């Protein structure tokens, strides 16, 4: 079984946002997969994906603060500045965090750990809608 679907997420504020529910809702056919994988790819260069804490919002806030300290907006070495002070740092953060995830699917469910969730990291102050391509493949039950 192979399935691919594109979804658009509404604009999100800068930060780390849980999107597991939106991903699962967009691809209900996963319930039919006995064993397989789901690949999630974000089609942008200023937002990224990661798997992390799904319970405590403090963890997501701390991740955002760490990224801001690690990749500062006011660095004197940035040359790509036409789109605003948050643009080049957003590109660097995306390269560090990554544009995609692959999650195992077991018995119709994402095989995430108890406290794991799929997070979209929005690195821009005023971003628009974000597009994800979801590709699932595996053996149907």
N, C-alpha and C. Protein backbone atom coordinates (compact mmCIF):
# COMPACT_ATOMS: atom_id res chain seq x y z
N UNK A 1 0.84 -1.18 0.00
CA UNK A 1 0.00 0.00 0.00
C UNK A 1 0.89 1.24 0.00
N UNK A 2 0.59 2.14 -0.91
CA UNK A 2 1.26 3.44 -0.97
C UNK A 2 0.20 4.52 -0.98
N UNK A 3 0.44 5.59 -0.25
CA UNK A 3 -0.51 6.70 -0.21
C UNK A 3 0.27 7.99 -0.01
N UNK A 4 -0.12 9.01 -0.74
CA UNK A 4 0.52 10.31 -0.54
C UNK A 4 -0.55 11.39 -0.51
N UNK A 5 -0.39 12.31 0.41
CA UNK A 5 -1.36 13.39 0.57
C UNK A 5 -0.63 14.66 0.98
N UNK A 6 -1.06 15.78 0.40
CA UNK A 6 -0.56 17.10 0.79
C UNK A 6 -1.58 17.76 1.70
N UNK A 7 -1.09 18.39 2.76
CA UNK A 7 -1.98 19.13 3.64
C UNK A 7 -1.41 20.52 3.88
N UNK A 8 -2.30 21.46 4.09
CA UNK A 8 -1.90 22.83 4.41
C UNK A 8 -2.29 23.11 5.86
N UNK A 9 -1.34 23.54 6.63
CA UNK A 9 -1.61 23.93 8.02
C UNK A 9 -1.80 25.43 8.07
N UNK A 10 -2.68 25.92 8.91
CA UNK A 10 -2.90 27.37 8.99
C UNK A 10 -1.65 28.06 9.52
N UNK A 11 -1.53 29.37 9.28
CA UNK A 11 -0.38 30.10 9.82
C UNK A 11 -0.27 29.92 11.33
N UNK A 12 0.93 29.70 11.80
CA UNK A 12 1.21 29.52 13.22
C UNK A 12 2.17 30.61 13.68
N UNK A 13 2.10 30.94 14.94
CA UNK A 13 3.03 31.92 15.49
C UNK A 13 4.42 31.29 15.56
N UNK A 14 5.42 32.12 15.71
CA UNK A 14 6.78 31.62 15.86
C UNK A 14 6.84 30.73 17.09
N UNK A 15 7.47 29.56 16.95
CA UNK A 15 7.57 28.64 18.07
C UNK A 15 7.47 27.20 17.60
N UNK A 16 7.36 26.30 18.56
CA UNK A 16 7.31 24.86 18.31
C UNK A 16 5.88 24.41 18.61
N UNK A 17 5.23 23.83 17.61
CA UNK A 17 3.80 23.49 17.70
C UNK A 17 3.57 22.01 17.44
N UNK A 18 2.76 21.38 18.29
CA UNK A 18 2.37 19.99 18.05
C UNK A 18 1.42 19.92 16.86
N UNK A 19 1.72 19.05 15.91
CA UNK A 19 0.85 18.88 14.75
C UNK A 19 0.50 17.41 14.53
N UNK A 20 0.76 16.56 15.50
CA UNK A 20 0.47 15.14 15.38
C UNK A 20 -0.98 14.89 15.00
N UNK A 21 -1.90 15.55 15.68
CA UNK A 21 -3.32 15.35 15.41
C UNK A 21 -3.70 15.71 13.99
N UNK A 22 -3.16 16.82 13.48
CA UNK A 22 -3.46 17.25 12.11
C UNK A 22 -2.92 16.23 11.10
N UNK A 23 -1.75 15.69 11.37
CA UNK A 23 -1.15 14.70 10.48
C UNK A 23 -2.00 13.43 10.47
N UNK A 24 -2.35 12.93 11.63
CA UNK A 24 -3.15 11.70 11.72
C UNK A 24 -4.52 11.90 11.08
N UNK A 25 -5.14 13.03 11.32
CA UNK A 25 -6.46 13.31 10.74
C UNK A 25 -6.42 13.36 9.22
N UNK A 26 -5.31 13.82 8.67
CA UNK A 26 -5.20 13.98 7.22
C UNK A 26 -5.00 12.66 6.48
N UNK A 27 -4.65 11.62 7.19
CA UNK A 27 -4.35 10.36 6.53
C UNK A 27 -4.97 9.19 7.31
N UNK A 28 -6.32 9.14 7.34
CA UNK A 28 -7.01 8.11 8.13
C UNK A 28 -6.74 6.69 7.65
N UNK A 29 -6.23 6.55 6.43
CA UNK A 29 -5.91 5.21 5.91
C UNK A 29 -4.81 4.52 6.70
N UNK A 30 -4.09 5.27 7.53
CA UNK A 30 -3.06 4.64 8.38
C UNK A 30 -3.64 3.54 9.25
N UNK A 31 -4.92 3.68 9.59
CA UNK A 31 -5.56 2.65 10.44
C UNK A 31 -5.54 1.28 9.78
N UNK A 32 -5.37 1.26 8.45
CA UNK A 32 -5.36 -0.01 7.71
C UNK A 32 -3.96 -0.61 7.58
N UNK A 33 -2.93 0.09 8.05
CA UNK A 33 -1.55 -0.38 7.89
C UNK A 33 -1.15 -1.22 9.10
N UNK A 34 -0.78 -2.48 8.83
CA UNK A 34 -0.34 -3.37 9.90
C UNK A 34 1.10 -3.04 10.28
N UNK A 35 1.96 -2.88 9.27
CA UNK A 35 3.35 -2.52 9.50
C UNK A 35 3.79 -1.63 8.33
N UNK A 36 4.42 -0.52 8.66
CA UNK A 36 4.84 0.39 7.60
C UNK A 36 5.50 1.63 8.17
N UNK A 37 5.55 2.68 7.35
CA UNK A 37 6.14 3.95 7.78
C UNK A 37 5.34 5.11 7.21
N UNK A 38 5.43 6.22 7.92
CA UNK A 38 4.88 7.48 7.45
C UNK A 38 6.02 8.47 7.36
N UNK A 39 6.20 9.03 6.18
CA UNK A 39 7.20 10.06 5.98
C UNK A 39 6.47 11.40 5.93
N UNK A 40 6.95 12.38 6.70
CA UNK A 40 6.35 13.71 6.76
C UNK A 40 7.42 14.69 6.30
N UNK A 41 7.09 15.49 5.26
CA UNK A 41 8.05 16.42 4.68
C UNK A 41 7.42 17.81 4.62
N UNK A 42 8.12 18.82 5.12
CA UNK A 42 7.62 20.20 5.06
C UNK A 42 8.26 20.87 3.85
N UNK A 43 7.44 21.51 3.03
CA UNK A 43 7.91 22.09 1.77
C UNK A 43 8.23 23.58 1.92
N UNK A 44 9.09 23.87 2.89
CA UNK A 44 9.48 25.27 3.16
C UNK A 44 10.92 25.29 3.63
N UNK A 45 11.57 26.45 3.50
CA UNK A 45 12.97 26.59 3.93
C UNK A 45 13.12 27.43 5.20
N UNK A 46 11.99 27.80 5.81
CA UNK A 46 12.08 28.60 7.04
C UNK A 46 11.20 28.03 8.15
N UNK A 47 10.86 26.75 8.03
CA UNK A 47 10.16 26.01 9.09
C UNK A 47 10.66 24.57 9.02
N UNK A 48 10.62 23.88 10.14
CA UNK A 48 11.18 22.53 10.18
C UNK A 48 10.28 21.60 10.99
N UNK A 49 10.70 20.35 11.04
CA UNK A 49 9.96 19.32 11.78
C UNK A 49 10.89 18.63 12.77
N UNK A 50 10.32 18.20 13.88
CA UNK A 50 11.06 17.40 14.84
C UNK A 50 10.06 16.56 15.62
N UNK A 51 10.55 15.54 16.27
CA UNK A 51 9.75 14.75 17.21
C UNK A 51 10.25 15.10 18.60
N UNK A 52 9.30 15.48 19.47
CA UNK A 52 9.71 15.83 20.81
C UNK A 52 8.51 15.72 21.75
N UNK A 53 8.66 16.26 22.93
CA UNK A 53 7.68 16.23 24.02
C UNK A 53 6.28 16.63 23.55
N UNK A 54 5.29 15.81 23.89
CA UNK A 54 3.92 16.13 23.51
C UNK A 54 3.05 16.56 24.69
N UNK A 55 3.61 16.62 25.87
CA UNK A 55 2.80 16.94 27.05
C UNK A 55 3.10 18.33 27.62
N UNK A 56 4.35 18.61 27.86
CA UNK A 56 4.72 19.85 28.53
C UNK A 56 5.02 20.95 27.52
N UNK A 57 4.23 22.02 27.50
CA UNK A 57 4.53 23.14 26.60
C UNK A 57 5.84 23.83 26.97
N UNK A 58 6.32 23.66 28.21
CA UNK A 58 7.58 24.27 28.58
C UNK A 58 8.73 23.71 27.75
N UNK A 59 8.68 22.43 27.40
CA UNK A 59 9.74 21.84 26.59
C UNK A 59 9.78 22.52 25.23
N UNK A 60 8.62 22.71 24.61
CA UNK A 60 8.59 23.36 23.30
C UNK A 60 9.06 24.81 23.39
N UNK A 61 8.71 25.50 24.46
CA UNK A 61 9.19 26.86 24.67
C UNK A 61 10.69 26.91 24.86
N UNK A 62 11.22 25.95 25.63
CA UNK A 62 12.68 25.89 25.83
C UNK A 62 13.41 25.60 24.53
N UNK A 63 12.85 24.73 23.69
CA UNK A 63 13.46 24.48 22.38
C UNK A 63 13.53 25.76 21.56
N UNK A 64 12.45 26.50 21.54
CA UNK A 64 12.42 27.77 20.80
C UNK A 64 13.46 28.74 21.33
N UNK A 65 13.54 28.87 22.66
CA UNK A 65 14.51 29.79 23.24
C UNK A 65 15.95 29.35 22.93
N UNK A 66 16.21 28.04 22.98
CA UNK A 66 17.54 27.54 22.65
C UNK A 66 17.89 27.87 21.20
N UNK A 67 16.94 27.64 20.29
CA UNK A 67 17.21 27.94 18.87
C UNK A 67 17.50 29.42 18.68
N UNK A 68 16.75 30.28 19.37
CA UNK A 68 16.98 31.73 19.24
C UNK A 68 18.35 32.13 19.76
N UNK A 69 18.81 31.50 20.84
CA UNK A 69 20.15 31.79 21.36
C UNK A 69 21.23 31.22 20.44
N UNK A 70 21.01 30.03 19.91
CA UNK A 70 22.01 29.37 19.06
C UNK A 70 22.15 30.06 17.71
N UNK A 71 21.05 30.60 17.20
CA UNK A 71 21.06 31.24 15.88
C UNK A 71 20.43 32.63 16.03
N UNK A 72 21.23 33.60 16.45
CA UNK A 72 20.69 34.94 16.73
C UNK A 72 20.32 35.72 15.47
N UNK A 73 19.29 36.53 15.59
CA UNK A 73 18.86 37.37 14.47
C UNK A 73 19.82 38.52 14.20
N UNK A 74 20.48 39.01 15.22
CA UNK A 74 21.28 40.22 15.06
C UNK A 74 22.76 39.94 14.77
N UNK A 75 23.05 38.75 14.26
CA UNK A 75 24.45 38.42 13.96
C UNK A 75 24.95 39.32 12.83
N UNK A 76 26.13 39.86 12.98
CA UNK A 76 26.69 40.79 12.01
C UNK A 76 27.08 40.11 10.69
N UNK A 77 27.19 38.80 10.68
CA UNK A 77 27.64 38.09 9.48
C UNK A 77 26.53 37.74 8.50
N UNK A 78 25.24 37.96 8.85
CA UNK A 78 24.15 37.66 7.92
C UNK A 78 24.23 38.60 6.71
N UNK A 79 24.11 38.05 5.52
CA UNK A 79 24.07 38.85 4.29
C UNK A 79 22.69 38.81 3.64
N UNK A 80 21.98 37.70 3.83
CA UNK A 80 20.63 37.55 3.27
C UNK A 80 19.64 38.19 4.24
N UNK A 81 19.35 39.48 4.04
CA UNK A 81 18.53 40.22 5.00
C UNK A 81 17.34 40.92 4.36
N UNK A 82 17.13 40.77 3.05
CA UNK A 82 16.06 41.49 2.36
C UNK A 82 14.66 41.14 2.87
N UNK A 83 14.48 39.93 3.37
CA UNK A 83 13.16 39.49 3.84
C UNK A 83 12.96 39.68 5.34
N UNK A 84 13.84 40.43 5.97
CA UNK A 84 13.69 40.71 7.39
C UNK A 84 14.73 40.02 8.23
N UNK A 85 14.89 40.47 9.48
CA UNK A 85 15.95 39.94 10.34
C UNK A 85 15.73 38.49 10.79
N UNK A 86 14.50 37.98 10.67
CA UNK A 86 14.25 36.60 11.09
C UNK A 86 14.43 35.60 9.95
N UNK A 87 14.65 36.07 8.71
CA UNK A 87 14.66 35.16 7.57
C UNK A 87 15.89 34.27 7.52
N UNK A 88 17.08 34.83 7.50
CA UNK A 88 18.29 34.00 7.42
C UNK A 88 18.43 33.09 8.63
N UNK A 89 18.18 33.59 9.85
CA UNK A 89 18.21 32.66 10.99
C UNK A 89 17.20 31.52 10.83
N UNK A 90 16.06 31.81 10.21
CA UNK A 90 15.06 30.75 9.99
C UNK A 90 15.61 29.68 9.06
N UNK A 91 16.33 30.09 8.02
CA UNK A 91 16.93 29.11 7.11
C UNK A 91 17.95 28.24 7.82
N UNK A 92 18.76 28.85 8.67
CA UNK A 92 19.77 28.07 9.41
C UNK A 92 19.08 27.09 10.36
N UNK A 93 18.08 27.56 11.09
CA UNK A 93 17.35 26.69 12.03
C UNK A 93 16.72 25.52 11.29
N UNK A 94 16.17 25.78 10.11
CA UNK A 94 15.58 24.70 9.32
C UNK A 94 16.63 23.68 8.92
N UNK A 95 17.81 24.15 8.53
CA UNK A 95 18.88 23.22 8.18
C UNK A 95 19.32 22.39 9.38
N UNK A 96 19.35 23.00 10.55
CA UNK A 96 19.74 22.28 11.76
C UNK A 96 18.68 21.27 12.20
N UNK A 97 17.43 21.67 12.17
CA UNK A 97 16.34 20.82 12.66
C UNK A 97 15.91 19.78 11.63
N UNK A 98 15.84 20.18 10.38
CA UNK A 98 15.51 19.25 9.30
C UNK A 98 14.09 19.42 8.76
N UNK A 99 13.91 19.06 7.48
CA UNK A 99 12.62 19.23 6.82
C UNK A 99 11.73 17.99 6.83
N UNK A 100 12.21 16.88 7.40
CA UNK A 100 11.38 15.67 7.31
C UNK A 100 11.57 14.74 8.49
N UNK A 101 10.59 13.85 8.63
CA UNK A 101 10.59 12.82 9.67
C UNK A 101 10.07 11.52 9.06
N UNK A 102 10.54 10.42 9.56
CA UNK A 102 9.97 9.12 9.21
C UNK A 102 9.57 8.43 10.50
N UNK A 103 8.30 8.04 10.57
CA UNK A 103 7.76 7.44 11.79
C UNK A 103 7.23 6.04 11.47
N UNK A 104 7.60 5.03 12.24
CA UNK A 104 7.05 3.70 12.01
C UNK A 104 5.54 3.69 12.26
N UNK A 105 4.86 2.82 11.55
CA UNK A 105 3.43 2.58 11.76
C UNK A 105 3.27 1.12 12.15
N UNK A 106 2.61 0.90 13.27
CA UNK A 106 2.40 -0.45 13.78
C UNK A 106 0.93 -0.62 14.13
N UNK A 107 0.29 -1.62 13.53
CA UNK A 107 -1.12 -1.93 13.81
C UNK A 107 -2.01 -0.69 13.72
N UNK A 108 -1.82 0.08 12.66
CA UNK A 108 -2.70 1.21 12.38
C UNK A 108 -2.43 2.48 13.15
N UNK A 109 -1.32 2.53 13.87
CA UNK A 109 -1.01 3.72 14.69
C UNK A 109 0.45 4.12 14.49
N UNK A 110 0.71 5.41 14.64
CA UNK A 110 2.09 5.86 14.64
C UNK A 110 2.78 5.27 15.86
N UNK A 111 3.95 4.69 15.67
CA UNK A 111 4.68 4.04 16.77
C UNK A 111 5.55 5.06 17.49
N UNK A 112 4.90 6.11 17.98
CA UNK A 112 5.58 7.13 18.77
C UNK A 112 5.62 6.69 20.22
N UNK A 113 6.61 7.15 20.95
CA UNK A 113 6.68 6.88 22.37
C UNK A 113 5.57 7.63 23.10
N UNK A 114 5.34 7.26 24.34
CA UNK A 114 4.26 7.83 25.15
C UNK A 114 4.27 9.35 25.15
N UNK A 115 5.44 9.94 25.24
CA UNK A 115 5.53 11.40 25.37
C UNK A 115 6.02 12.07 24.09
N UNK A 116 5.96 11.37 22.97
CA UNK A 116 6.44 11.93 21.71
C UNK A 116 5.31 12.47 20.85
N UNK A 117 5.59 13.55 20.16
CA UNK A 117 4.66 14.11 19.19
C UNK A 117 5.41 14.72 18.03
N UNK A 118 4.73 14.88 16.92
CA UNK A 118 5.31 15.54 15.75
C UNK A 118 5.14 17.03 15.94
N UNK A 119 6.24 17.76 15.84
CA UNK A 119 6.23 19.20 16.04
C UNK A 119 6.65 19.93 14.78
N UNK A 120 5.94 20.99 14.47
CA UNK A 120 6.34 21.93 13.44
C UNK A 120 7.03 23.09 14.14
N UNK A 121 8.24 23.39 13.72
CA UNK A 121 8.99 24.50 14.28
C UNK A 121 8.86 25.68 13.31
N UNK A 122 8.11 26.67 13.72
CA UNK A 122 7.92 27.87 12.90
C UNK A 122 9.00 28.86 13.29
N UNK A 123 9.86 29.18 12.33
CA UNK A 123 11.01 30.04 12.62
C UNK A 123 10.81 31.49 12.19
N UNK A 124 9.69 31.81 11.56
CA UNK A 124 9.45 33.18 11.11
C UNK A 124 8.43 33.85 12.04
N UNK A 125 8.55 35.18 12.14
CA UNK A 125 7.62 35.94 12.97
C UNK A 125 6.22 36.02 12.35
N UNK A 126 6.16 36.15 11.04
CA UNK A 126 4.88 36.29 10.36
C UNK A 126 4.82 35.37 9.15
N UNK A 127 4.76 34.09 9.40
CA UNK A 127 4.74 33.10 8.31
C UNK A 127 3.31 32.88 7.84
N UNK A 128 3.20 32.35 6.66
CA UNK A 128 1.89 31.98 6.13
C UNK A 128 1.60 30.52 6.42
N UNK A 129 0.65 30.00 5.68
CA UNK A 129 0.29 28.59 5.78
C UNK A 129 1.52 27.73 5.47
N UNK A 130 1.61 26.59 6.10
CA UNK A 130 2.72 25.66 5.85
C UNK A 130 2.17 24.38 5.23
N UNK A 131 2.88 23.86 4.22
CA UNK A 131 2.44 22.68 3.48
C UNK A 131 3.30 21.47 3.82
N UNK A 132 2.62 20.38 4.10
CA UNK A 132 3.29 19.11 4.39
C UNK A 132 2.90 18.10 3.33
N UNK A 133 3.85 17.27 2.93
CA UNK A 133 3.56 16.11 2.11
C UNK A 133 3.71 14.89 2.99
N UNK A 134 2.66 14.09 3.06
CA UNK A 134 2.63 12.87 3.87
C UNK A 134 2.68 11.69 2.91
N UNK A 135 3.63 10.80 3.13
CA UNK A 135 3.72 9.61 2.29
C UNK A 135 3.74 8.40 3.22
N UNK A 136 2.75 7.54 3.04
CA UNK A 136 2.65 6.32 3.86
C UNK A 136 2.83 5.12 2.95
N UNK A 137 3.57 4.14 3.45
CA UNK A 137 3.64 2.89 2.74
C UNK A 137 3.79 1.79 3.76
N UNK A 138 3.24 0.63 3.38
CA UNK A 138 3.32 -0.51 4.28
C UNK A 138 2.38 -1.62 3.87
N UNK A 139 2.30 -2.59 4.72
CA UNK A 139 1.46 -3.77 4.48
C UNK A 139 0.12 -3.56 5.17
N UNK A 140 -0.94 -3.68 4.39
CA UNK A 140 -2.28 -3.51 4.94
C UNK A 140 -2.66 -4.70 5.83
N UNK A 141 -3.52 -4.42 6.81
CA UNK A 141 -3.95 -5.51 7.71
C UNK A 141 -5.06 -6.31 7.09
